[in-house]
Amino acid sequence: CAAVKAACSKAEVAPTEVKSLGFAATCSLVAVDSDNSPVSVSRSGDSRRNVIVWMDHRAVDQAERINTSNSPVLEYCGGAVSPEMQPPKVPSELVP
């Protein structure tokens, strides 16, 4: 809110003139258990390795499977997921 107010003020634009906002970010997946303790995503089992970086593309097959599912949820993410998003990276044993 503060950033929008400051931008409107600096641009001398009335808040009522703002019709939409865009936001984009990259995000990584951090694996933790129910106690918020790190869970390894590495074959080594090292719990210090509990992050799947956003640019990891090992989930290409999973993303394709999601994209061909015809799920109505895809309407809320531009019609398709990327292997960089979290859903394709969720281990299959955690998916109901």
PDB file of N, CA and C in Angstrom:
ATOM      1  N   CYS A   1       0.824  -1.190   0.000  1.00  0.00           N
ATOM      2  CA  CYS A   1       0.000   0.000   0.000  1.00  0.00           C
ATOM      3  C   CYS A   1       0.869   1.255   0.000  1.00  0.00           C
ATOM      4  N   ALA A   2       1.909   1.221   0.824  1.00  0.00           N
ATOM      5  CA  ALA A   2       2.788   2.383   0.909  1.00  0.00           C
ATOM      6  C   ALA A   2       3.454   2.664  -0.432  1.00  0.00           C
ATOM      7  N   ALA A   3       3.852   1.597  -1.130  1.00  0.00           N
ATOM      8  CA  ALA A   3       4.519   1.785  -2.422  1.00  0.00           C
ATOM      9  C   ALA A   3       3.563   2.380  -3.450  1.00  0.00           C
ATOM     10  N   VAL A   4       2.303   1.920  -3.463  1.00  0.00           N
ATOM     11  CA  VAL A   4       1.319   2.444  -4.412  1.00  0.00           C
ATOM     12  C   VAL A   4       1.025   3.902  -4.098  1.00  0.00           C
ATOM     13  N   LYS A   5       0.860   4.208  -2.832  1.00  0.00           N
ATOM     14  CA  LYS A   5       0.607   5.604  -2.441  1.00  0.00           C
ATOM     15  C   LYS A   5       1.766   6.499  -2.851  1.00  0.00           C
ATOM     16  N   ALA A   6       2.978   6.029  -2.613  1.00  0.00           N
ATOM     17  CA  ALA A   6       4.155   6.825  -2.972  1.00  0.00           C
ATOM     18  C   ALA A   6       4.254   7.000  -4.489  1.00  0.00           C
ATOM     19  N   ALA A   7       3.982   5.923  -5.250  1.00  0.00           N
ATOM     20  CA  ALA A   7       4.046   6.001  -6.710  1.00  0.00           C
ATOM     21  C   ALA A   7       2.996   6.967  -7.245  1.00  0.00           C
ATOM     22  N   CYS A   8       1.782   6.912  -6.699  1.00  0.00           N
ATOM     23  CA  CYS A   8       0.715   7.826  -7.128  1.00  0.00           C
ATOM     24  C   CYS A   8       1.106   9.266  -6.825  1.00  0.00           C
ATOM     25  N   SER A   9       1.653   9.471  -5.650  1.00  0.00           N
ATOM     26  CA  SER A   9       2.058  10.818  -5.256  1.00  0.00           C
ATOM     27  C   SER A   9       3.156  11.351  -6.179  1.00  0.00           C
ATOM     28  N   LYS A  10       4.175  10.530  -6.402  1.00  0.00           N
ATOM     29  CA  LYS A  10       5.297  10.953  -7.237  1.00  0.00           C
ATOM     30  C   LYS A  10       4.850  11.208  -8.677  1.00  0.00           C
ATOM     31  N   ALA A  11       3.928  10.384  -9.177  1.00  0.00           N
ATOM     32  CA  ALA A  11       3.450  10.532 -10.552  1.00  0.00           C
ATOM     33  C   ALA A  11       2.317  11.542 -10.665  1.00  0.00           C
ATOM     34  N   GLU A  12       1.902  12.057  -9.512  1.00  0.00           N
ATOM     35  CA  GLU A  12       0.784  13.002  -9.458  1.00  0.00           C
ATOM     36  C   GLU A  12      -0.458  12.404 -10.117  1.00  0.00           C
ATOM     37  N   VAL A  13      -0.756  11.171  -9.736  1.00  0.00           N
ATOM     38  CA  VAL A  13      -1.910  10.432 -10.247  1.00  0.00           C
ATOM     39  C   VAL A  13      -2.852  10.179  -9.073  1.00  0.00           C
ATOM     40  N   ALA A  14      -4.128  10.419  -9.278  1.00  0.00           N
ATOM     41  CA  ALA A  14      -5.118  10.155  -8.238  1.00  0.00           C
ATOM     42  C   ALA A  14      -5.278   8.649  -8.063  1.00  0.00           C
ATOM     43  N   PRO A  15      -5.420   8.175  -6.834  1.00  0.00           N
ATOM     44  CA  PRO A  15      -5.605   6.731  -6.616  1.00  0.00           C
ATOM     45  C   PRO A  15      -6.770   6.148  -7.401  1.00  0.00           C
ATOM     46  N   THR A  16      -7.794   6.933  -7.663  1.00  0.00           N
ATOM     47  CA  THR A  16      -8.951   6.439  -8.422  1.00  0.00           C
ATOM     48  C   THR A  16      -8.615   6.168  -9.882  1.00  0.00           C
ATOM     49  N   GLU A  17      -7.477   6.687 -10.348  1.00  0.00           N
ATOM     50  CA  GLU A  17      -7.057   6.448 -11.734  1.00  0.00           C
ATOM     51  C   GLU A  17      -6.346   5.101 -11.898  1.00  0.00           C
ATOM     52  N   VAL A  18      -5.955   4.493 -10.800  1.00  0.00           N
ATOM     53  CA  VAL A  18      -5.272   3.199 -10.859  1.00  0.00           C
ATOM     54  C   VAL A  18      -6.321   2.120 -11.077  1.00  0.00           C
ATOM     55  N   LYS A  19      -6.217   1.405 -12.178  1.00  0.00           N
ATOM     56  CA  LYS A  19      -7.202   0.386 -12.531  1.00  0.00           C
ATOM     57  C   LYS A  19      -6.739  -1.025 -12.195  1.00  0.00           C
ATOM     58  N   SER A  20      -5.441  -1.258 -12.154  1.00  0.00           N
ATOM     59  CA  SER A  20      -4.952  -2.594 -11.830  1.00  0.00           C
ATOM     60  C   SER A  20      -3.500  -2.517 -11.392  1.00  0.00           C
ATOM     61  N   LEU A  21      -3.056  -3.580 -10.782  1.00  0.00           N
ATOM     62  CA  LEU A  21      -1.673  -3.710 -10.358  1.00  0.00           C
ATOM     63  C   LEU A  21      -1.150  -5.040 -10.872  1.00  0.00           C
ATOM     64  N   GLY A  22       0.106  -5.081 -11.193  1.00  0.00           N
ATOM     65  CA  GLY A  22       0.722  -6.335 -11.595  1.00  0.00           C
ATOM     66  C   GLY A  22       1.818  -6.686 -10.612  1.00  0.00           C
ATOM     67  N   PHE A  23       2.001  -7.958 -10.391  1.00  0.00           N
ATOM     68  CA  PHE A  23       3.043  -8.423  -9.482  1.00  0.00           C
ATOM     69  C   PHE A  23       3.620  -9.698 -10.052  1.00  0.00           C
ATOM     70  N   ALA A  24       4.911  -9.797 -10.081  1.00  0.00           N
ATOM     71  CA  ALA A  24       5.562 -11.014 -10.557  1.00  0.00           C
ATOM     72  C   ALA A  24       6.731 -11.322  -9.635  1.00  0.00           C
ATOM     73  N   ALA A  25       6.953 -12.601  -9.424  1.00  0.00           N
ATOM     74  CA  ALA A  25       8.060 -13.000  -8.565  1.00  0.00           C
ATOM     75  C   ALA A  25       8.478 -14.414  -8.912  1.00  0.00           C
ATOM     76  N   THR A  26       9.701 -14.707  -8.638  1.00  0.00           N
ATOM     77  CA  THR A  26      10.141 -16.086  -8.701  1.00  0.00           C
ATOM     78  C   THR A  26      10.069 -16.615  -7.280  1.00  0.00           C
ATOM     79  N   CYS A  27       9.835 -17.881  -7.148  1.00  0.00           N
ATOM     80  CA  CYS A  27       9.774 -18.427  -5.801  1.00  0.00           C
ATOM     81  C   CYS A  27      10.308 -19.844  -5.795  1.00  0.00           C
ATOM     82  N   SER A  28      10.965 -20.168  -4.720  1.00  0.00           N
ATOM     83  CA  SER A  28      11.518 -21.495  -4.542  1.00  0.00           C
ATOM     84  C   SER A  28      10.629 -22.273  -3.584  1.00  0.00           C
ATOM     85  N   LEU A  29      10.798 -23.559  -3.562  1.00  0.00           N
ATOM     86  CA  LEU A  29      10.010 -24.431  -2.697  1.00  0.00           C
ATOM     87  C   LEU A  29      10.889 -24.867  -1.535  1.00  0.00           C
ATOM     88  N   VAL A  30      10.452 -24.580  -0.321  1.00  0.00           N
ATOM     89  CA  VAL A  30      11.181 -24.963   0.884  1.00  0.00           C
ATOM     90  C   VAL A  30      10.419 -26.113   1.530  1.00  0.00           C
ATOM     91  N   ALA A  31      11.079 -27.241   1.694  1.00  0.00           N
ATOM     92  CA  ALA A  31      10.432 -28.427   2.259  1.00  0.00           C
ATOM     93  C   ALA A  31      10.666 -28.494   3.763  1.00  0.00           C
ATOM     94  N   VAL A  32       9.551 -28.514   4.504  1.00  0.00           N
ATOM     95  CA  VAL A  32       9.609 -28.662   5.967  1.00  0.00           C
ATOM     96  C   VAL A  32       8.540 -29.667   6.392  1.00  0.00           C
ATOM     97  N   ASP A  33       8.729 -30.237   7.581  1.00  0.00           N
ATOM     98  CA  ASP A  33       7.731 -31.173   8.089  1.00  0.00           C
ATOM     99  C   ASP A  33       6.705 -30.425   8.938  1.00  0.00           C
ATOM    100  N   SER A  34       5.817 -31.157   9.598  1.00  0.00           N
ATOM    101  CA  SER A  34       4.739 -30.527  10.365  1.00  0.00           C
ATOM    102  C   SER A  34       5.239 -29.701  11.545  1.00  0.00           C
ATOM    103  N   ASP A  35       6.496 -29.906  11.928  1.00  0.00           N
ATOM    104  CA  ASP A  35       7.099 -29.099  12.999  1.00  0.00           C
ATOM    105  C   ASP A  35       7.960 -27.969  12.447  1.00  0.00           C
ATOM    106  N   ASN A  36       7.868 -27.739  11.134  1.00  0.00           N
ATOM    107  CA  ASN A  36       8.672 -26.735  10.432  1.00  0.00           C
ATOM    108  C   ASN A  36      10.162 -27.031  10.470  1.00  0.00           C
ATOM    109  N   SER A  37      10.512 -28.300  10.605  1.00  0.00           N
ATOM    110  CA  SER A  37      11.915 -28.707  10.538  1.00  0.00           C
ATOM    111  C   SER A  37      12.243 -29.041   9.091  1.00  0.00           C
ATOM    112  N   PRO A  38      13.474 -28.768   8.641  1.00  0.00           N
ATOM    113  CA  PRO A  38      13.849 -29.020   7.249  1.00  0.00           C
ATOM    114  C   PRO A  38      13.711 -30.492   6.865  1.00  0.00           C
ATOM    115  N   VAL A  39      13.236 -30.724   5.644  1.00  0.00           N
ATOM    116  CA  VAL A  39      13.144 -32.063   5.067  1.00  0.00           C
ATOM    117  C   VAL A  39      14.002 -32.057   3.804  1.00  0.00           C
ATOM    118  N   SER A  40      14.881 -33.000   3.704  1.00  0.00           N
ATOM    119  CA  SER A  40      15.795 -33.051   2.559  1.00  0.00           C
ATOM    120  C   SER A  40      15.059 -33.289   1.246  1.00  0.00           C
ATOM    121  N   VAL A  41      15.488 -32.582   0.212  1.00  0.00           N
ATOM    122  CA  VAL A  41      15.017 -32.840  -1.149  1.00  0.00           C
ATOM    123  C   VAL A  41      16.161 -33.424  -1.977  1.00  0.00           C
ATOM    124  N   SER A  42      17.187 -33.864  -1.262  1.00  0.00           N
ATOM    125  CA  SER A  42      18.373 -34.408  -1.895  1.00  0.00           C
ATOM    126  C   SER A  42      18.457 -35.907  -1.630  1.00  0.00           C
ATOM    127  N   ARG A  43      18.986 -36.639  -2.572  1.00  0.00           N
ATOM    128  CA  ARG A  43      19.187 -38.080  -2.364  1.00  0.00           C
ATOM    129  C   ARG A  43      20.153 -38.348  -1.227  1.00  0.00           C
ATOM    130  N   SER A  44      20.955 -37.342  -0.859  1.00  0.00           N
ATOM    131  CA  SER A  44      21.904 -37.521   0.236  1.00  0.00           C
ATOM    132  C   SER A  44      21.200 -37.608   1.588  1.00  0.00           C
ATOM    133  N   GLY A  45      19.963 -37.093   1.656  1.00  0.00           N
ATOM    134  CA  GLY A  45      19.244 -37.075   2.920  1.00  0.00           C
ATOM    135  C   GLY A  45      19.654 -35.930   3.824  1.00  0.00           C
ATOM    136  N   ASP A  46      20.540 -35.069   3.360  1.00  0.00           N
ATOM    137  CA  ASP A  46      21.022 -33.934   4.149  1.00  0.00           C
ATOM    138  C   ASP A  46      19.901 -32.916   4.306  1.00  0.00           C
ATOM    139  N   SER A  47      19.411 -32.725   5.538  1.00  0.00           N
ATOM    140  CA  SER A  47      18.278 -31.820   5.763  1.00  0.00           C
ATOM    141  C   SER A  47      18.629 -30.356   5.528  1.00  0.00           C
ATOM    142  N   ARG A  48      19.918 -30.049   5.371  1.00  0.00           N
ATOM    143  CA  ARG A  48      20.295 -28.671   5.013  1.00  0.00           C
ATOM    144  C   ARG A  48      19.980 -28.389   3.553  1.00  0.00           C
ATOM    145  N   ARG A  49      19.700 -29.415   2.811  1.00  0.00           N
ATOM    146  CA  ARG A  49      19.351 -29.285   1.386  1.00  0.00           C
ATOM    147  C   ARG A  49      17.838 -29.453   1.247  1.00  0.00           C
ATOM    148  N   ASN A  50      17.099 -28.446   1.746  1.00  0.00           N
ATOM    149  CA  ASN A  50      15.641 -28.544   1.761  1.00  0.00           C
ATOM    150  C   ASN A  50      14.966 -27.507   0.870  1.00  0.00           C
ATOM    151  N   VAL A  51      15.695 -26.988  -0.104  1.00  0.00           N
ATOM    152  CA  VAL A  51      15.133 -25.974  -1.002  1.00  0.00           C
ATOM    153  C   VAL A  51      15.278 -26.435  -2.448  1.00  0.00           C
ATOM    154  N   ILE A  52      14.159 -26.344  -3.182  1.00  0.00           N
ATOM    155  CA  ILE A  52      14.204 -26.567  -4.632  1.00  0.00           C
ATOM    156  C   ILE A  52      14.138 -25.180  -5.258  1.00  0.00           C
ATOM    157  N   VAL A  53      15.196 -24.768  -5.886  1.00  0.00           N
ATOM    158  CA  VAL A  53      15.310 -23.424  -6.434  1.00  0.00           C
ATOM    159  C   VAL A  53      14.314 -23.238  -7.576  1.00  0.00           C
ATOM    160  N   TRP A  54      13.784 -22.036  -7.722  1.00  0.00           N
ATOM    161  CA  TRP A  54      12.750 -21.727  -8.717  1.00  0.00           C
ATOM    162  C   TRP A  54      13.131 -22.176 -10.114  1.00  0.00           C
ATOM    163  N   MET A  55      14.416 -22.083 -10.473  1.00  0.00           N
ATOM    164  CA  MET A  55      14.824 -22.373 -11.850  1.00  0.00           C
ATOM    165  C   MET A  55      15.089 -23.858 -12.102  1.00  0.00           C
ATOM    166  N   ASP A  56      14.836 -24.702 -11.110  1.00  0.00           N
ATOM    167  CA  ASP A  56      15.008 -26.148 -11.247  1.00  0.00           C
ATOM    168  C   ASP A  56      13.947 -26.683 -12.216  1.00  0.00           C
ATOM    169  N   HIS A  57      14.376 -27.343 -13.283  1.00  0.00           N
ATOM    170  CA  HIS A  57      13.444 -27.823 -14.310  1.00  0.00           C
ATOM    171  C   HIS A  57      13.303 -29.341 -14.336  1.00  0.00           C
ATOM    172  N   ARG A  58      13.572 -30.004 -13.213  1.00  0.00           N
ATOM    173  CA  ARG A  58      13.402 -31.458 -13.193  1.00  0.00           C
ATOM    174  C   ARG A  58      11.940 -31.864 -13.279  1.00  0.00           C
ATOM    175  N   ALA A  59      11.018 -30.953 -13.033  1.00  0.00           N
ATOM    176  CA  ALA A  59       9.589 -31.298 -12.995  1.00  0.00           C
ATOM    177  C   ALA A  59       8.879 -31.044 -14.333  1.00  0.00           C
ATOM    178  N   VAL A  60       9.595 -31.101 -15.438  1.00  0.00           N
ATOM    179  CA  VAL A  60       8.984 -30.864 -16.755  1.00  0.00           C
ATOM    180  C   VAL A  60       7.869 -31.866 -17.028  1.00  0.00           C
ATOM    181  N   ASP A  61       8.110 -33.154 -16.778  1.00  0.00           N
ATOM    182  CA  ASP A  61       7.084 -34.170 -17.025  1.00  0.00           C
ATOM    183  C   ASP A  61       5.859 -33.951 -16.139  1.00  0.00           C
ATOM    184  N   GLN A  62       6.089 -33.601 -14.873  1.00  0.00           N
ATOM    185  CA  GLN A  62       4.983 -33.363 -13.956  1.00  0.00           C
ATOM    186  C   GLN A  62       4.164 -32.147 -14.394  1.00  0.00           C
ATOM    187  N   ALA A  63       4.837 -31.087 -14.839  1.00  0.00           N
ATOM    188  CA  ALA A  63       4.130 -29.888 -15.308  1.00  0.00           C
ATOM    189  C   ALA A  63       3.277 -30.233 -16.527  1.00  0.00           C
ATOM    190  N   GLU A  64       3.799 -31.028 -17.433  1.00  0.00           N
ATOM    191  CA  GLU A  64       3.037 -31.424 -18.615  1.00  0.00           C
ATOM    192  C   GLU A  64       1.815 -32.246 -18.220  1.00  0.00           C
ATOM    193  N   ARG A  65       1.980 -33.142 -17.253  1.00  0.00           N
ATOM    194  CA  ARG A  65       0.854 -33.951 -16.787  1.00  0.00           C
ATOM    195  C   ARG A  65      -0.237 -33.060 -16.189  1.00  0.00           C
ATOM    196  N   ILE A  66       0.162 -32.055 -15.413  1.00  0.00           N
ATOM    197  CA  ILE A  66      -0.808 -31.114 -14.839  1.00  0.00           C
ATOM    198  C   ILE A  66      -1.490 -30.330 -15.966  1.00  0.00           C
ATOM    199  N   ASN A  67      -0.715 -29.852 -16.924  1.00  0.00           N
ATOM    200  CA  ASN A  67      -1.263 -29.025 -18.006  1.00  0.00           C
ATOM    201  C   ASN A  67      -2.227 -29.782 -18.905  1.00  0.00           C
ATOM    202  N   THR A  68      -2.088 -31.093 -18.995  1.00  0.00           N
ATOM    203  CA  THR A  68      -2.998 -31.884 -19.834  1.00  0.00           C
ATOM    204  C   THR A  68      -4.169 -32.455 -19.028  1.00  0.00           C
ATOM    205  N   SER A  69      -4.272 -32.079 -17.759  1.00  0.00           N
ATOM    206  CA  SER A  69      -5.327 -32.626 -16.892  1.00  0.00           C
ATOM    207  C   SER A  69      -6.686 -31.969 -17.112  1.00  0.00           C
ATOM    208  N   ASN A  70      -6.704 -30.836 -17.808  1.00  0.00           N
ATOM    209  CA  ASN A  70      -7.940 -30.073 -18.012  1.00  0.00           C
ATOM    210  C   ASN A  70      -8.574 -29.617 -16.702  1.00  0.00           C
ATOM    211  N   SER A  71      -7.776 -29.443 -15.687  1.00  0.00           N
ATOM    212  CA  SER A  71      -8.294 -28.990 -14.393  1.00  0.00           C
ATOM    213  C   SER A  71      -8.740 -27.537 -14.487  1.00  0.00           C
ATOM    214  N   PRO A  72      -9.885 -27.206 -13.894  1.00  0.00           N
ATOM    215  CA  PRO A  72     -10.338 -25.812 -13.891  1.00  0.00           C
ATOM    216  C   PRO A  72      -9.395 -24.898 -13.104  1.00  0.00           C
ATOM    217  N   VAL A  73      -8.561 -25.457 -12.266  1.00  0.00           N
ATOM    218  CA  VAL A  73      -7.596 -24.667 -11.505  1.00  0.00           C
ATOM    219  C   VAL A  73      -6.627 -23.946 -12.437  1.00  0.00           C
ATOM    220  N   LEU A  74      -6.369 -24.528 -13.596  1.00  0.00           N
ATOM    221  CA  LEU A  74      -5.444 -23.917 -14.550  1.00  0.00           C
ATOM    222  C   LEU A  74      -5.920 -22.549 -15.024  1.00  0.00           C
ATOM    223  N   GLU A  75      -7.221 -22.292 -14.920  1.00  0.00           N
ATOM    224  CA  GLU A  75      -7.753 -20.983 -15.303  1.00  0.00           C
ATOM    225  C   GLU A  75      -7.168 -19.862 -14.441  1.00  0.00           C
ATOM    226  N   TYR A  76      -6.697 -20.206 -13.238  1.00  0.00           N
ATOM    227  CA  TYR A  76      -6.214 -19.202 -12.296  1.00  0.00           C
ATOM    228  C   TYR A  76      -4.706 -18.976 -12.382  1.00  0.00           C
ATOM    229  N   CYS A  77      -4.043 -19.667 -13.287  1.00  0.00           N
ATOM    230  CA  CYS A  77      -2.591 -19.466 -13.410  1.00  0.00           C
ATOM    231  C   CYS A  77      -2.194 -19.291 -14.869  1.00  0.00           C
ATOM    232  N   GLY A  78      -3.068 -18.675 -15.645  1.00  0.00           N
ATOM    233  CA  GLY A  78      -2.745 -18.388 -17.033  1.00  0.00           C
ATOM    234  C   GLY A  78      -2.952 -19.558 -17.975  1.00  0.00           C
ATOM    235  N   GLY A  79      -3.605 -20.632 -17.524  1.00  0.00           N
ATOM    236  CA  GLY A  79      -3.909 -21.757 -18.388  1.00  0.00           C
ATOM    237  C   GLY A  79      -2.895 -22.884 -18.346  1.00  0.00           C
ATOM    238  N   ALA A  80      -1.755 -22.649 -17.714  1.00  0.00           N
ATOM    239  CA  ALA A  80      -0.724 -23.688 -17.651  1.00  0.00           C
ATOM    240  C   ALA A  80       0.226 -23.397 -16.494  1.00  0.00           C
ATOM    241  N   VAL A  81       0.831 -24.461 -15.994  1.00  0.00           N
ATOM    242  CA  VAL A  81       1.875 -24.296 -14.986  1.00  0.00           C
ATOM    243  C   VAL A  81       3.231 -24.490 -15.642  1.00  0.00           C
ATOM    244  N   SER A  82       4.227 -23.921 -15.043  1.00  0.00           N
ATOM    245  CA  SER A  82       5.609 -24.051 -15.482  1.00  0.00           C
ATOM    246  C   SER A  82       6.314 -25.022 -14.551  1.00  0.00           C
ATOM    247  N   PRO A  83       7.334 -25.705 -15.026  1.00  0.00           N
ATOM    248  CA  PRO A  83       8.096 -26.565 -14.115  1.00  0.00           C
ATOM    249  C   PRO A  83       8.793 -25.752 -13.019  1.00  0.00           C
ATOM    250  N   GLU A  84       8.799 -24.435 -13.157  1.00  0.00           N
ATOM    251  CA  GLU A  84       9.391 -23.582 -12.134  1.00  0.00           C
ATOM    252  C   GLU A  84       8.440 -23.316 -10.974  1.00  0.00           C
ATOM    253  N   MET A  85       7.159 -23.655 -11.145  1.00  0.00           N
ATOM    254  CA  MET A  85       6.170 -23.434 -10.094  1.00  0.00           C
ATOM    255  C   MET A  85       6.202 -24.590  -9.098  1.00  0.00           C
ATOM    256  N   GLN A  86       5.574 -24.367  -7.934  1.00  0.00           N
ATOM    257  CA  GLN A  86       5.605 -25.378  -6.884  1.00  0.00           C
ATOM    258  C   GLN A  86       4.808 -26.647  -7.187  1.00  0.00           C
ATOM    259  N   PRO A  87       3.565 -26.581  -7.717  1.00  0.00           N
ATOM    260  CA  PRO A  87       2.795 -27.831  -7.861  1.00  0.00           C
ATOM    261  C   PRO A  87       3.524 -28.960  -8.597  1.00  0.00           C
ATOM    262  N   PRO A  88       4.213 -28.697  -9.696  1.00  0.00           N
ATOM    263  CA  PRO A  88       4.902 -29.813 -10.345  1.00  0.00           C
ATOM    264  C   PRO A  88       6.037 -30.397  -9.496  1.00  0.00           C
ATOM    265  N   LYS A  89       6.554 -29.621  -8.567  1.00  0.00           N
ATOM    266  CA  LYS A  89       7.692 -30.058  -7.761  1.00  0.00           C
ATOM    267  C   LYS A  89       7.296 -30.832  -6.511  1.00  0.00           C
ATOM    268  N   VAL A  90       6.001 -30.847  -6.187  1.00  0.00           N
ATOM    269  CA  VAL A  90       5.560 -31.562  -4.993  1.00  0.00           C
ATOM    270  C   VAL A  90       5.758 -33.060  -5.231  1.00  0.00           C
ATOM    271  N   PRO A  91       6.442 -33.745  -4.308  1.00  0.00           N
ATOM    272  CA  PRO A  91       6.660 -35.182  -4.498  1.00  0.00           C
ATOM    273  C   PRO A  91       5.347 -35.933  -4.654  1.00  0.00           C
ATOM    274  N   SER A  92       5.297 -36.866  -5.575  1.00  0.00           N
ATOM    275  CA  SER A  92       4.060 -37.579  -5.880  1.00  0.00           C
ATOM    276  C   SER A  92       3.488 -38.300  -4.674  1.00  0.00           C
ATOM    277  N   GLU A  93       4.308 -38.705  -3.721  1.00  0.00           N
ATOM    278  CA  GLU A  93       3.784 -39.395  -2.551  1.00  0.00           C
ATOM    279  C   GLU A  93       3.010 -38.464  -1.625  1.00  0.00           C
ATOM    280  N   LEU A  94       3.109 -37.142  -1.851  1.00  0.00           N
ATOM    281  CA  LEU A  94       2.361 -36.187  -1.048  1.00  0.00           C
ATOM    282  C   LEU A  94       1.066 -35.753  -1.709  1.00  0.00           C
ATOM    283  N   VAL A  95       0.860 -36.153  -2.954  1.00  0.00           N
ATOM    284  CA  VAL A  95      -0.333 -35.755  -3.698  1.00  0.00           C
ATOM    285  C   VAL A  95      -1.432 -36.777  -3.434  1.00  0.00           C
ATOM    286  N   PRO A  96      -2.623 -36.307  -2.993  1.00  0.00           N
ATOM    287  CA  PRO A  96      -3.703 -37.267  -2.696  1.00  0.00           C
ATOM    288  C   PRO A  96      -4.217 -37.967  -3.936  1.00  0.00           C
TER     289      PRO A  96
END
